[in-house]
Amino acid sequence: MDDEIDNLTRVHLRRMDGKIDQMMDAPRDHGRRLTALEIAEGNLAATERRHYANTAARTDRTDDRLDRIERRLDLIKPPRAAADEKYRPGADLTLRP
């Protein structure tokens, strides 16, 4: 009978030991998962910044192209001529729209 109790106690102790090992591994696993999430978030933020920069560059190029088209069609005056007209020496100093 004593051997039976000893064996039963050992079985329960082994089970508890296994459960404790699982509990010890859980935080490590959570740490790895959190690290993976942080890396993914960082990659997403970097990708978003790249998209923003690309969009800004495309907008700048589009503005440049639109300016060239307007100048070719004489829809606007070249920037230098407009500045010369506004700020002629001897002219009144009020700004005209």
PDB file of N, CA and C in Angstrom:
ATOM      1  N   MET A   1       0.810  -1.182   0.000  1.00  0.00           N
ATOM      2  CA  MET A   1       0.000   0.000   0.000  1.00  0.00           C
ATOM      3  C   MET A   1       0.861   1.256   0.000  1.00  0.00           C
ATOM      4  N   ASP A   2       1.948   1.240   0.792  1.00  0.00           N
ATOM      5  CA  ASP A   2       2.845   2.391   0.834  1.00  0.00           C
ATOM      6  C   ASP A   2       3.503   2.624  -0.531  1.00  0.00           C
ATOM      7  N   ASP A   3       3.846   1.524  -1.207  1.00  0.00           N
ATOM      8  CA  ASP A   3       4.434   1.659  -2.547  1.00  0.00           C
ATOM      9  C   ASP A   3       3.440   2.288  -3.519  1.00  0.00           C
ATOM     10  N   GLU A   4       2.193   1.927  -3.366  1.00  0.00           N
ATOM     11  CA  GLU A   4       1.150   2.471  -4.234  1.00  0.00           C
ATOM     12  C   GLU A   4       0.997   3.981  -4.016  1.00  0.00           C
ATOM     13  N   ILE A   5       1.043   4.418  -2.780  1.00  0.00           N
ATOM     14  CA  ILE A   5       0.939   5.844  -2.454  1.00  0.00           C
ATOM     15  C   ILE A   5       2.174   6.583  -2.959  1.00  0.00           C
ATOM     16  N   ASP A   6       3.358   5.973  -2.778  1.00  0.00           N
ATOM     17  CA  ASP A   6       4.598   6.571  -3.280  1.00  0.00           C
ATOM     18  C   ASP A   6       4.540   6.746  -4.791  1.00  0.00           C
ATOM     19  N   ASN A   7       4.095   5.716  -5.488  1.00  0.00           N
ATOM     20  CA  ASN A   7       4.002   5.786  -6.948  1.00  0.00           C
ATOM     21  C   ASN A   7       2.997   6.857  -7.372  1.00  0.00           C
ATOM     22  N   LEU A   8       1.857   6.921  -6.709  1.00  0.00           N
ATOM     23  CA  LEU A   8       0.843   7.911  -7.030  1.00  0.00           C
ATOM     24  C   LEU A   8       1.374   9.327  -6.779  1.00  0.00           C
ATOM     25  N   THR A   9       2.105   9.487  -5.688  1.00  0.00           N
ATOM     26  CA  THR A   9       2.693  10.788  -5.370  1.00  0.00           C
ATOM     27  C   THR A   9       3.706  11.179  -6.446  1.00  0.00           C
ATOM     28  N   ARG A  10       4.515  10.245  -6.866  1.00  0.00           N
ATOM     29  CA  ARG A  10       5.516  10.517  -7.906  1.00  0.00           C
ATOM     30  C   ARG A  10       4.847  10.884  -9.228  1.00  0.00           C
ATOM     31  N   VAL A  11       3.766  10.185  -9.555  1.00  0.00           N
ATOM     32  CA  VAL A  11       3.034  10.489 -10.787  1.00  0.00           C
ATOM     33  C   VAL A  11       2.503  11.916 -10.739  1.00  0.00           C
ATOM     34  N   HIS A  12       1.913  12.294  -9.623  1.00  0.00           N
ATOM     35  CA  HIS A  12       1.385  13.655  -9.484  1.00  0.00           C
ATOM     36  C   HIS A  12       2.505  14.699  -9.513  1.00  0.00           C
ATOM     37  N   LEU A  13       3.627  14.390  -8.880  1.00  0.00           N
ATOM     38  CA  LEU A  13       4.761  15.318  -8.891  1.00  0.00           C
ATOM     39  C   LEU A  13       5.307  15.498 -10.312  1.00  0.00           C
ATOM     40  N   ARG A  14       5.371  14.401 -11.077  1.00  0.00           N
ATOM     41  CA  ARG A  14       5.841  14.508 -12.467  1.00  0.00           C
ATOM     42  C   ARG A  14       4.884  15.367 -13.298  1.00  0.00           C
ATOM     43  N   ARG A  15       3.582  15.161 -13.091  1.00  0.00           N
ATOM     44  CA  ARG A  15       2.595  15.961 -13.817  1.00  0.00           C
ATOM     45  C   ARG A  15       2.732  17.443 -13.465  1.00  0.00           C
ATOM     46  N   MET A  16       2.890  17.706 -12.157  1.00  0.00           N
ATOM     47  CA  MET A  16       3.053  19.114 -11.747  1.00  0.00           C
ATOM     48  C   MET A  16       4.341  19.690 -12.327  1.00  0.00           C
ATOM     49  N   ASP A  17       5.399  18.880 -12.353  1.00  0.00           N
ATOM     50  CA  ASP A  17       6.664  19.343 -12.912  1.00  0.00           C
ATOM     51  C   ASP A  17       6.498  19.672 -14.401  1.00  0.00           C
ATOM     52  N   GLY A  18       5.777  18.831 -15.116  1.00  0.00           N
ATOM     53  CA  GLY A  18       5.526  19.083 -16.537  1.00  0.00           C
ATOM     54  C   GLY A  18       4.709  20.356 -16.743  1.00  0.00           C
ATOM     55  N   LYS A  19       3.696  20.555 -15.894  1.00  0.00           N
ATOM     56  CA  LYS A  19       2.869  21.762 -16.008  1.00  0.00           C
ATOM     57  C   LYS A  19       3.674  23.013 -15.672  1.00  0.00           C
ATOM     58  N   ILE A  20       4.555  22.908 -14.702  1.00  0.00           N
ATOM     59  CA  ILE A  20       5.406  24.056 -14.349  1.00  0.00           C
ATOM     60  C   ILE A  20       6.337  24.381 -15.512  1.00  0.00           C
ATOM     61  N   ASP A  21       6.881  23.346 -16.167  1.00  0.00           N
ATOM     62  CA  ASP A  21       7.728  23.583 -17.341  1.00  0.00           C
ATOM     63  C   ASP A  21       6.952  24.298 -18.441  1.00  0.00           C
ATOM     64  N   GLN A  22       5.698  23.880 -18.657  1.00  0.00           N
ATOM     65  CA  GLN A  22       4.868  24.539 -19.663  1.00  0.00           C
ATOM     66  C   GLN A  22       4.628  26.001 -19.292  1.00  0.00           C
ATOM     67  N   MET A  23       4.384  26.241 -18.000  1.00  0.00           N
ATOM     68  CA  MET A  23       4.152  27.607 -17.541  1.00  0.00           C
ATOM     69  C   MET A  23       5.414  28.454 -17.709  1.00  0.00           C
ATOM     70  N   MET A  24       6.566  27.871 -17.556  1.00  0.00           N
ATOM     71  CA  MET A  24       7.819  28.603 -17.714  1.00  0.00           C
ATOM     72  C   MET A  24       8.086  28.909 -19.187  1.00  0.00           C
ATOM     73  N   ASP A  25       7.655  28.027 -20.077  1.00  0.00           N
ATOM     74  CA  ASP A  25       7.861  28.246 -21.506  1.00  0.00           C
ATOM     75  C   ASP A  25       6.893  29.281 -22.078  1.00  0.00           C
ATOM     76  N   ALA A  26       5.724  29.447 -21.477  1.00  0.00           N
ATOM     77  CA  ALA A  26       4.706  30.364 -22.005  1.00  0.00           C
ATOM     78  C   ALA A  26       5.217  31.805 -22.105  1.00  0.00           C
ATOM     79  N   PRO A  27       5.838  32.377 -21.063  1.00  0.00           N
ATOM     80  CA  PRO A  27       6.337  33.756 -21.204  1.00  0.00           C
ATOM     81  C   PRO A  27       7.405  33.895 -22.295  1.00  0.00           C
ATOM     82  N   ARG A  28       8.236  32.879 -22.453  1.00  0.00           N
ATOM     83  CA  ARG A  28       9.240  32.932 -23.524  1.00  0.00           C
ATOM     84  C   ARG A  28       8.565  32.979 -24.883  1.00  0.00           C
ATOM     85  N   ASP A  29       7.530  32.146 -25.034  1.00  0.00           N
ATOM     86  CA  ASP A  29       6.781  32.124 -26.288  1.00  0.00           C
ATOM     87  C   ASP A  29       6.091  33.470 -26.516  1.00  0.00           C
ATOM     88  N   HIS A  30       5.524  34.028 -25.465  1.00  0.00           N
ATOM     89  CA  HIS A  30       4.871  35.334 -25.599  1.00  0.00           C
ATOM     90  C   HIS A  30       5.885  36.407 -25.978  1.00  0.00           C
ATOM     91  N   GLY A  31       7.063  36.330 -25.410  1.00  0.00           N
ATOM     92  CA  GLY A  31       8.119  37.286 -25.749  1.00  0.00           C
ATOM     93  C   GLY A  31       8.498  37.194 -27.211  1.00  0.00           C
ATOM     94  N   ARG A  32       8.629  35.962 -27.721  1.00  0.00           N
ATOM     95  CA  ARG A  32       8.955  35.780 -29.142  1.00  0.00           C
ATOM     96  C   ARG A  32       7.847  36.328 -30.029  1.00  0.00           C
ATOM     97  N   ARG A  33       6.607  36.060 -29.642  1.00  0.00           N
ATOM     98  CA  ARG A  33       5.478  36.541 -30.442  1.00  0.00           C
ATOM     99  C   ARG A  33       5.421  38.067 -30.426  1.00  0.00           C
ATOM    100  N   LEU A  34       5.675  38.663 -29.265  1.00  0.00           N
ATOM    101  CA  LEU A  34       5.668  40.120 -29.158  1.00  0.00           C
ATOM    102  C   LEU A  34       6.774  40.726 -30.020  1.00  0.00           C
ATOM    103  N   THR A  35       7.939  40.107 -29.998  1.00  0.00           N
ATOM    104  CA  THR A  35       9.047  40.583 -30.827  1.00  0.00           C
ATOM    105  C   THR A  35       8.669  40.524 -32.304  1.00  0.00           C
ATOM    106  N   ALA A  36       8.027  39.437 -32.713  1.00  0.00           N
ATOM    107  CA  ALA A  36       7.604  39.317 -34.111  1.00  0.00           C
ATOM    108  C   ALA A  36       6.595  40.411 -34.465  1.00  0.00           C
ATOM    109  N   LEU A  37       5.681  40.709 -33.556  1.00  0.00           N
ATOM    110  CA  LEU A  37       4.711  41.772 -33.798  1.00  0.00           C
ATOM    111  C   LEU A  37       5.387  43.137 -33.887  1.00  0.00           C
ATOM    112  N   GLU A  38       6.362  43.383 -33.030  1.00  0.00           N
ATOM    113  CA  GLU A  38       7.079  44.652 -33.064  1.00  0.00           C
ATOM    114  C   GLU A  38       7.840  44.816 -34.374  1.00  0.00           C
ATOM    115  N   ILE A  39       8.446  43.741 -34.850  1.00  0.00           N
ATOM    116  CA  ILE A  39       9.176  43.790 -36.120  1.00  0.00           C
ATOM    117  C   ILE A  39       8.201  44.080 -37.259  1.00  0.00           C
ATOM    118  N   ALA A  40       7.062  43.395 -37.255  1.00  0.00           N
ATOM    119  CA  ALA A  40       6.066  43.612 -38.305  1.00  0.00           C
ATOM    120  C   ALA A  40       5.549  45.049 -38.283  1.00  0.00           C
ATOM    121  N   GLU A  41       5.319  45.583 -37.093  1.00  0.00           N
ATOM    122  CA  GLU A  41       4.837  46.965 -36.965  1.00  0.00           C
ATOM    123  C   GLU A  41       5.889  47.940 -37.478  1.00  0.00           C
ATOM    124  N   GLY A  42       7.143  47.685 -37.169  1.00  0.00           N
ATOM    125  CA  GLY A  42       8.222  48.536 -37.657  1.00  0.00           C
ATOM    126  C   GLY A  42       8.323  48.500 -39.175  1.00  0.00           C
ATOM    127  N   ASN A  43       8.181  47.310 -39.739  1.00  0.00           N
ATOM    128  CA  ASN A  43       8.209  47.188 -41.197  1.00  0.00           C
ATOM    129  C   ASN A  43       7.035  47.915 -41.829  1.00  0.00           C
ATOM    130  N   LEU A  44       5.880  47.818 -41.196  1.00  0.00           N
ATOM    131  CA  LEU A  44       4.695  48.493 -41.716  1.00  0.00           C
ATOM    132  C   LEU A  44       4.878  50.008 -41.678  1.00  0.00           C
ATOM    133  N   ALA A  45       5.420  50.517 -40.572  1.00  0.00           N
ATOM    134  CA  ALA A  45       5.653  51.959 -40.452  1.00  0.00           C
ATOM    135  C   ALA A  45       6.668  52.430 -41.496  1.00  0.00           C
ATOM    136  N   ALA A  46       7.718  51.650 -41.713  1.00  0.00           N
ATOM    137  CA  ALA A  46       8.723  52.022 -42.713  1.00  0.00           C
ATOM    138  C   ALA A  46       8.109  52.014 -44.110  1.00  0.00           C
ATOM    139  N   THR A  47       7.278  51.020 -44.381  1.00  0.00           N
ATOM    140  CA  THR A  47       6.615  50.951 -45.684  1.00  0.00           C
ATOM    141  C   THR A  47       5.698  52.144 -45.880  1.00  0.00           C
ATOM    142  N   GLU A  48       4.985  52.512 -44.821  1.00  0.00           N
ATOM    143  CA  GLU A  48       4.083  53.663 -44.911  1.00  0.00           C
ATOM    144  C   GLU A  48       4.872  54.948 -45.181  1.00  0.00           C
ATOM    145  N   ARG A  49       6.004  55.109 -44.519  1.00  0.00           N
ATOM    146  CA  ARG A  49       6.845  56.294 -44.755  1.00  0.00           C
ATOM    147  C   ARG A  49       7.360  56.311 -46.190  1.00  0.00           C
ATOM    148  N   ARG A  50       7.738  55.129 -46.717  1.00  0.00           N
ATOM    149  CA  ARG A  50       8.203  55.061 -48.106  1.00  0.00           C
ATOM    150  C   ARG A  50       7.083  55.441 -49.062  1.00  0.00           C
ATOM    151  N   HIS A  51       5.874  54.946 -48.795  1.00  0.00           N
ATOM    152  CA  HIS A  51       4.739  55.295 -49.652  1.00  0.00           C
ATOM    153  C   HIS A  51       4.476  56.799 -49.620  1.00  0.00           C
ATOM    154  N   TYR A  52       4.551  57.383 -48.445  1.00  0.00           N
ATOM    155  CA  TYR A  52       4.342  58.823 -48.317  1.00  0.00           C
ATOM    156  C   TYR A  52       5.400  59.586 -49.104  1.00  0.00           C
ATOM    157  N   ALA A  53       6.657  59.179 -48.969  1.00  0.00           N
ATOM    158  CA  ALA A  53       7.748  59.845 -49.681  1.00  0.00           C
ATOM    159  C   ALA A  53       7.565  59.692 -51.192  1.00  0.00           C
ATOM    160  N   ASN A  54       7.174  58.502 -51.635  1.00  0.00           N
ATOM    161  CA  ASN A  54       6.944  58.294 -53.069  1.00  0.00           C
ATOM    162  C   ASN A  54       5.803  59.159 -53.571  1.00  0.00           C
ATOM    163  N   THR A  55       4.741  59.261 -52.782  1.00  0.00           N
ATOM    164  CA  THR A  55       3.607  60.089 -53.178  1.00  0.00           C
ATOM    165  C   THR A  55       4.013  61.556 -53.255  1.00  0.00           C
ATOM    166  N   ALA A  56       4.790  62.014 -52.295  1.00  0.00           N
ATOM    167  CA  ALA A  56       5.252  63.402 -52.311  1.00  0.00           C
ATOM    168  C   ALA A  56       6.127  63.661 -53.536  1.00  0.00           C
ATOM    169  N   ALA A  57       6.991  62.715 -53.870  1.00  0.00           N
ATOM    170  CA  ALA A  57       7.858  62.876 -55.035  1.00  0.00           C
ATOM    171  C   ALA A  57       7.028  62.914 -56.312  1.00  0.00           C
ATOM    172  N   ARG A  58       6.029  62.055 -56.399  1.00  0.00           N
ATOM    173  CA  ARG A  58       5.162  62.058 -57.593  1.00  0.00           C
ATOM    174  C   ARG A  58       4.391  63.367 -57.701  1.00  0.00           C
ATOM    175  N   THR A  59       3.922  63.880 -56.564  1.00  0.00           N
ATOM    176  CA  THR A  59       3.202  65.158 -56.572  1.00  0.00           C
ATOM    177  C   THR A  59       4.117  66.281 -57.039  1.00  0.00           C
ATOM    178  N   ASP A  60       5.350  66.281 -56.570  1.00  0.00           N
ATOM    179  CA  ASP A  60       6.312  67.304 -57.003  1.00  0.00           C
ATOM    180  C   ASP A  60       6.558  67.230 -58.507  1.00  0.00           C
ATOM    181  N   ARG A  61       6.737  66.014 -59.021  1.00  0.00           N
ATOM    182  CA  ARG A  61       6.954  65.866 -60.463  1.00  0.00           C
ATOM    183  C   ARG A  61       5.724  66.319 -61.253  1.00  0.00           C
ATOM    184  N   THR A  62       4.548  66.003 -60.744  1.00  0.00           N
ATOM    185  CA  THR A  62       3.321  66.430 -61.417  1.00  0.00           C
ATOM    186  C   THR A  62       3.212  67.950 -61.422  1.00  0.00           C
ATOM    187  N   ASP A  63       3.549  68.585 -60.306  1.00  0.00           N
ATOM    188  CA  ASP A  63       3.544  70.057 -60.254  1.00  0.00           C
ATOM    189  C   ASP A  63       4.512  70.652 -61.271  1.00  0.00           C
ATOM    190  N   ASP A  64       5.691  70.062 -61.366  1.00  0.00           N
ATOM    191  CA  ASP A  64       6.680  70.554 -62.337  1.00  0.00           C
ATOM    192  C   ASP A  64       6.159  70.408 -63.768  1.00  0.00           C
ATOM    193  N   ARG A  65       5.580  69.262 -64.046  1.00  0.00           N
ATOM    194  CA  ARG A  65       5.050  69.044 -65.397  1.00  0.00           C
ATOM    195  C   ARG A  65       3.920  70.021 -65.698  1.00  0.00           C
ATOM    196  N   LEU A  66       3.044  70.251 -64.748  1.00  0.00           N
ATOM    197  CA  LEU A  66       1.932  71.177 -64.949  1.00  0.00           C
ATOM    198  C   LEU A  66       2.451  72.599 -65.180  1.00  0.00           C
ATOM    199  N   ASP A  67       3.465  73.005 -64.438  1.00  0.00           N
ATOM    200  CA  ASP A  67       4.065  74.331 -64.646  1.00  0.00           C
ATOM    201  C   ASP A  67       4.630  74.455 -66.058  1.00  0.00           C
ATOM    202  N   ARG A  68       5.345  73.414 -66.515  1.00  0.00           N
ATOM    203  CA  ARG A  68       5.912  73.460 -67.873  1.00  0.00           C
ATOM    204  C   ARG A  68       4.805  73.549 -68.922  1.00  0.00           C
ATOM    205  N   ILE A  69       3.746  72.782 -68.748  1.00  0.00           N
ATOM    206  CA  ILE A  69       2.631  72.818 -69.705  1.00  0.00           C
ATOM    207  C   ILE A  69       1.989  74.199 -69.725  1.00  0.00           C
ATOM    208  N   GLU A  70       1.748  74.768 -68.544  1.00  0.00           N
ATOM    209  CA  GLU A  70       1.125  76.102 -68.487  1.00  0.00           C
ATOM    210  C   GLU A  70       2.012  77.148 -69.141  1.00  0.00           C
ATOM    211  N   ARG A  71       3.333  77.051 -68.946  1.00  0.00           N
ATOM    212  CA  ARG A  71       4.236  78.018 -69.570  1.00  0.00           C
ATOM    213  C   ARG A  71       4.259  77.855 -71.086  1.00  0.00           C
ATOM    214  N   ARG A  72       4.255  76.609 -71.544  1.00  0.00           N
ATOM    215  CA  ARG A  72       4.268  76.373 -72.992  1.00  0.00           C
ATOM    216  C   ARG A  72       3.004  76.902 -73.653  1.00  0.00           C
ATOM    217  N   LEU A  73       1.896  76.803 -72.974  1.00  0.00           N
ATOM    218  CA  LEU A  73       0.631  77.293 -73.527  1.00  0.00           C
ATOM    219  C   LEU A  73       0.406  78.767 -73.207  1.00  0.00           C
ATOM    220  N   ASP A  74       1.379  79.392 -72.617  1.00  0.00           N
ATOM    221  CA  ASP A  74       1.300  80.796 -72.215  1.00  0.00           C
ATOM    222  C   ASP A  74       0.087  81.071 -71.322  1.00  0.00           C
ATOM    223  N   LEU A  75      -0.232  80.122 -70.464  1.00  0.00           N
ATOM    224  CA  LEU A  75      -1.324  80.328 -69.514  1.00  0.00           C
ATOM    225  C   LEU A  75      -0.842  81.107 -68.298  1.00  0.00           C
ATOM    226  N   ILE A  76       0.446  81.011 -68.007  1.00  0.00           N
ATOM    227  CA  ILE A  76       1.045  81.775 -66.908  1.00  0.00           C
ATOM    228  C   ILE A  76       2.342  82.378 -67.418  1.00  0.00           C
ATOM    229  N   LYS A  77       2.794  83.405 -66.744  1.00  0.00           N
ATOM    230  CA  LYS A  77       4.074  84.010 -67.100  1.00  0.00           C
ATOM    231  C   LYS A  77       5.183  83.234 -66.409  1.00  0.00           C
ATOM    232  N   PRO A  78       6.364  83.208 -67.012  1.00  0.00           N
ATOM    233  CA  PRO A  78       7.480  82.545 -66.339  1.00  0.00           C
ATOM    234  C   PRO A  78       7.730  83.212 -64.991  1.00  0.00           C
ATOM    235  N   PRO A  79       8.165  82.495 -64.009  1.00  0.00           N
ATOM    236  CA  PRO A  79       8.360  83.062 -62.667  1.00  0.00           C
ATOM    237  C   PRO A  79       9.264  84.289 -62.655  1.00  0.00           C
ATOM    238  N   ARG A  80      10.288  84.304 -63.457  1.00  0.00           N
ATOM    239  CA  ARG A  80      11.222  85.440 -63.483  1.00  0.00           C
ATOM    240  C   ARG A  80      10.533  86.693 -64.018  1.00  0.00           C
ATOM    241  N   ALA A  81       9.747  86.572 -65.086  1.00  0.00           N
ATOM    242  CA  ALA A  81       9.054  87.723 -65.671  1.00  0.00           C
ATOM    243  C   ALA A  81       8.015  88.271 -64.700  1.00  0.00           C
ATOM    244  N   ALA A  82       7.327  87.395 -64.001  1.00  0.00           N
ATOM    245  CA  ALA A  82       6.325  87.842 -63.035  1.00  0.00           C
ATOM    246  C   ALA A  82       6.993  88.599 -61.895  1.00  0.00           C
ATOM    247  N   ALA A  83       8.149  88.128 -61.442  1.00  0.00           N
ATOM    248  CA  ALA A  83       8.862  88.807 -60.364  1.00  0.00           C
ATOM    249  C   ALA A  83       9.383  90.159 -60.835  1.00  0.00           C
ATOM    250  N   ASP A  84       9.904  90.217 -62.054  1.00  0.00           N
ATOM    251  CA  ASP A  84      10.414  91.485 -62.589  1.00  0.00           C
ATOM    252  C   ASP A  84       9.294  92.510 -62.714  1.00  0.00           C
ATOM    253  N   GLU A  85       8.111  92.055 -63.123  1.00  0.00           N
ATOM    254  CA  GLU A  85       6.985  92.962 -63.309  1.00  0.00           C
ATOM    255  C   GLU A  85       6.510  93.529 -61.976  1.00  0.00           C
ATOM    256  N   LYS A  86       6.504  92.721 -60.953  1.00  0.00           N
ATOM    257  CA  LYS A  86       6.006  93.171 -59.647  1.00  0.00           C
ATOM    258  C   LYS A  86       6.973  94.135 -58.968  1.00  0.00           C
ATOM    259  N   TYR A  87       8.251  93.929 -59.156  1.00  0.00           N
ATOM    260  CA  TYR A  87       9.244  94.684 -58.387  1.00  0.00           C
ATOM    261  C   TYR A  87      10.164  95.510 -59.278  1.00  0.00           C
ATOM    262  N   ARG A  88       9.604  96.289 -60.177  1.00  0.00           N
ATOM    263  CA  ARG A  88      10.410  97.171 -61.029  1.00  0.00           C
ATOM    264  C   ARG A  88      10.931  98.332 -60.199  1.00  0.00           C
ATOM    265  N   PRO A  89      12.161  98.752 -60.445  1.00  0.00           N
ATOM    266  CA  PRO A  89      12.667  99.927 -59.737  1.00  0.00           C
ATOM    267  C   PRO A  89      11.866 101.158 -60.130  1.00  0.00           C
ATOM    268  N   GLY A  90      11.539 101.965 -59.170  1.00  0.00           N
ATOM    269  CA  GLY A  90      10.805 103.191 -59.422  1.00  0.00           C
ATOM    270  C   GLY A  90       9.294 102.994 -59.415  1.00  0.00           C
ATOM    271  N   ALA A  91       8.809 101.763 -59.407  1.00  0.00           N
ATOM    272  CA  ALA A  91       7.364 101.527 -59.380  1.00  0.00           C
ATOM    273  C   ALA A  91       6.887 101.658 -57.941  1.00  0.00           C
ATOM    274  N   ASP A  92       5.586 101.808 -57.796  1.00  0.00           N
ATOM    275  CA  ASP A  92       5.094 101.911 -56.411  1.00  0.00           C
ATOM    276  C   ASP A  92       5.337 100.576 -55.704  1.00  0.00           C
ATOM    277  N   LEU A  93       5.435 100.621 -54.403  1.00  0.00           N
ATOM    278  CA  LEU A  93       5.818  99.437 -53.637  1.00  0.00           C
ATOM    279  C   LEU A  93       4.646  98.609 -53.161  1.00  0.00           C
ATOM    280  N   THR A  94       3.462  98.903 -53.590  1.00  0.00           N
ATOM    281  CA  THR A  94       2.314  98.078 -53.186  1.00  0.00           C
ATOM    282  C   THR A  94       2.314  96.800 -54.028  1.00  0.00           C
ATOM    283  N   LEU A  95       1.984  95.724 -53.387  1.00  0.00           N
ATOM    284  CA  LEU A  95       1.953  94.444 -54.091  1.00  0.00           C
ATOM    285  C   LEU A  95       0.646  94.299 -54.831  1.00  0.00           C
ATOM    286  N   ARG A  96       0.753  93.853 -56.058  1.00  0.00           N
ATOM    287  CA  ARG A  96      -0.437  93.613 -56.860  1.00  0.00           C
ATOM    288  C   ARG A  96      -0.683  92.115 -56.963  1.00  0.00           C
ATOM    289  N   PRO A  97      -1.934  91.693 -56.888  1.00  0.00           N
ATOM    290  CA  PRO A  97      -2.193  90.242 -56.989  1.00  0.00           C
ATOM    291  C   PRO A  97      -1.947  89.730 -58.391  1.00  0.00           C
TER     292      PRO A  97
END
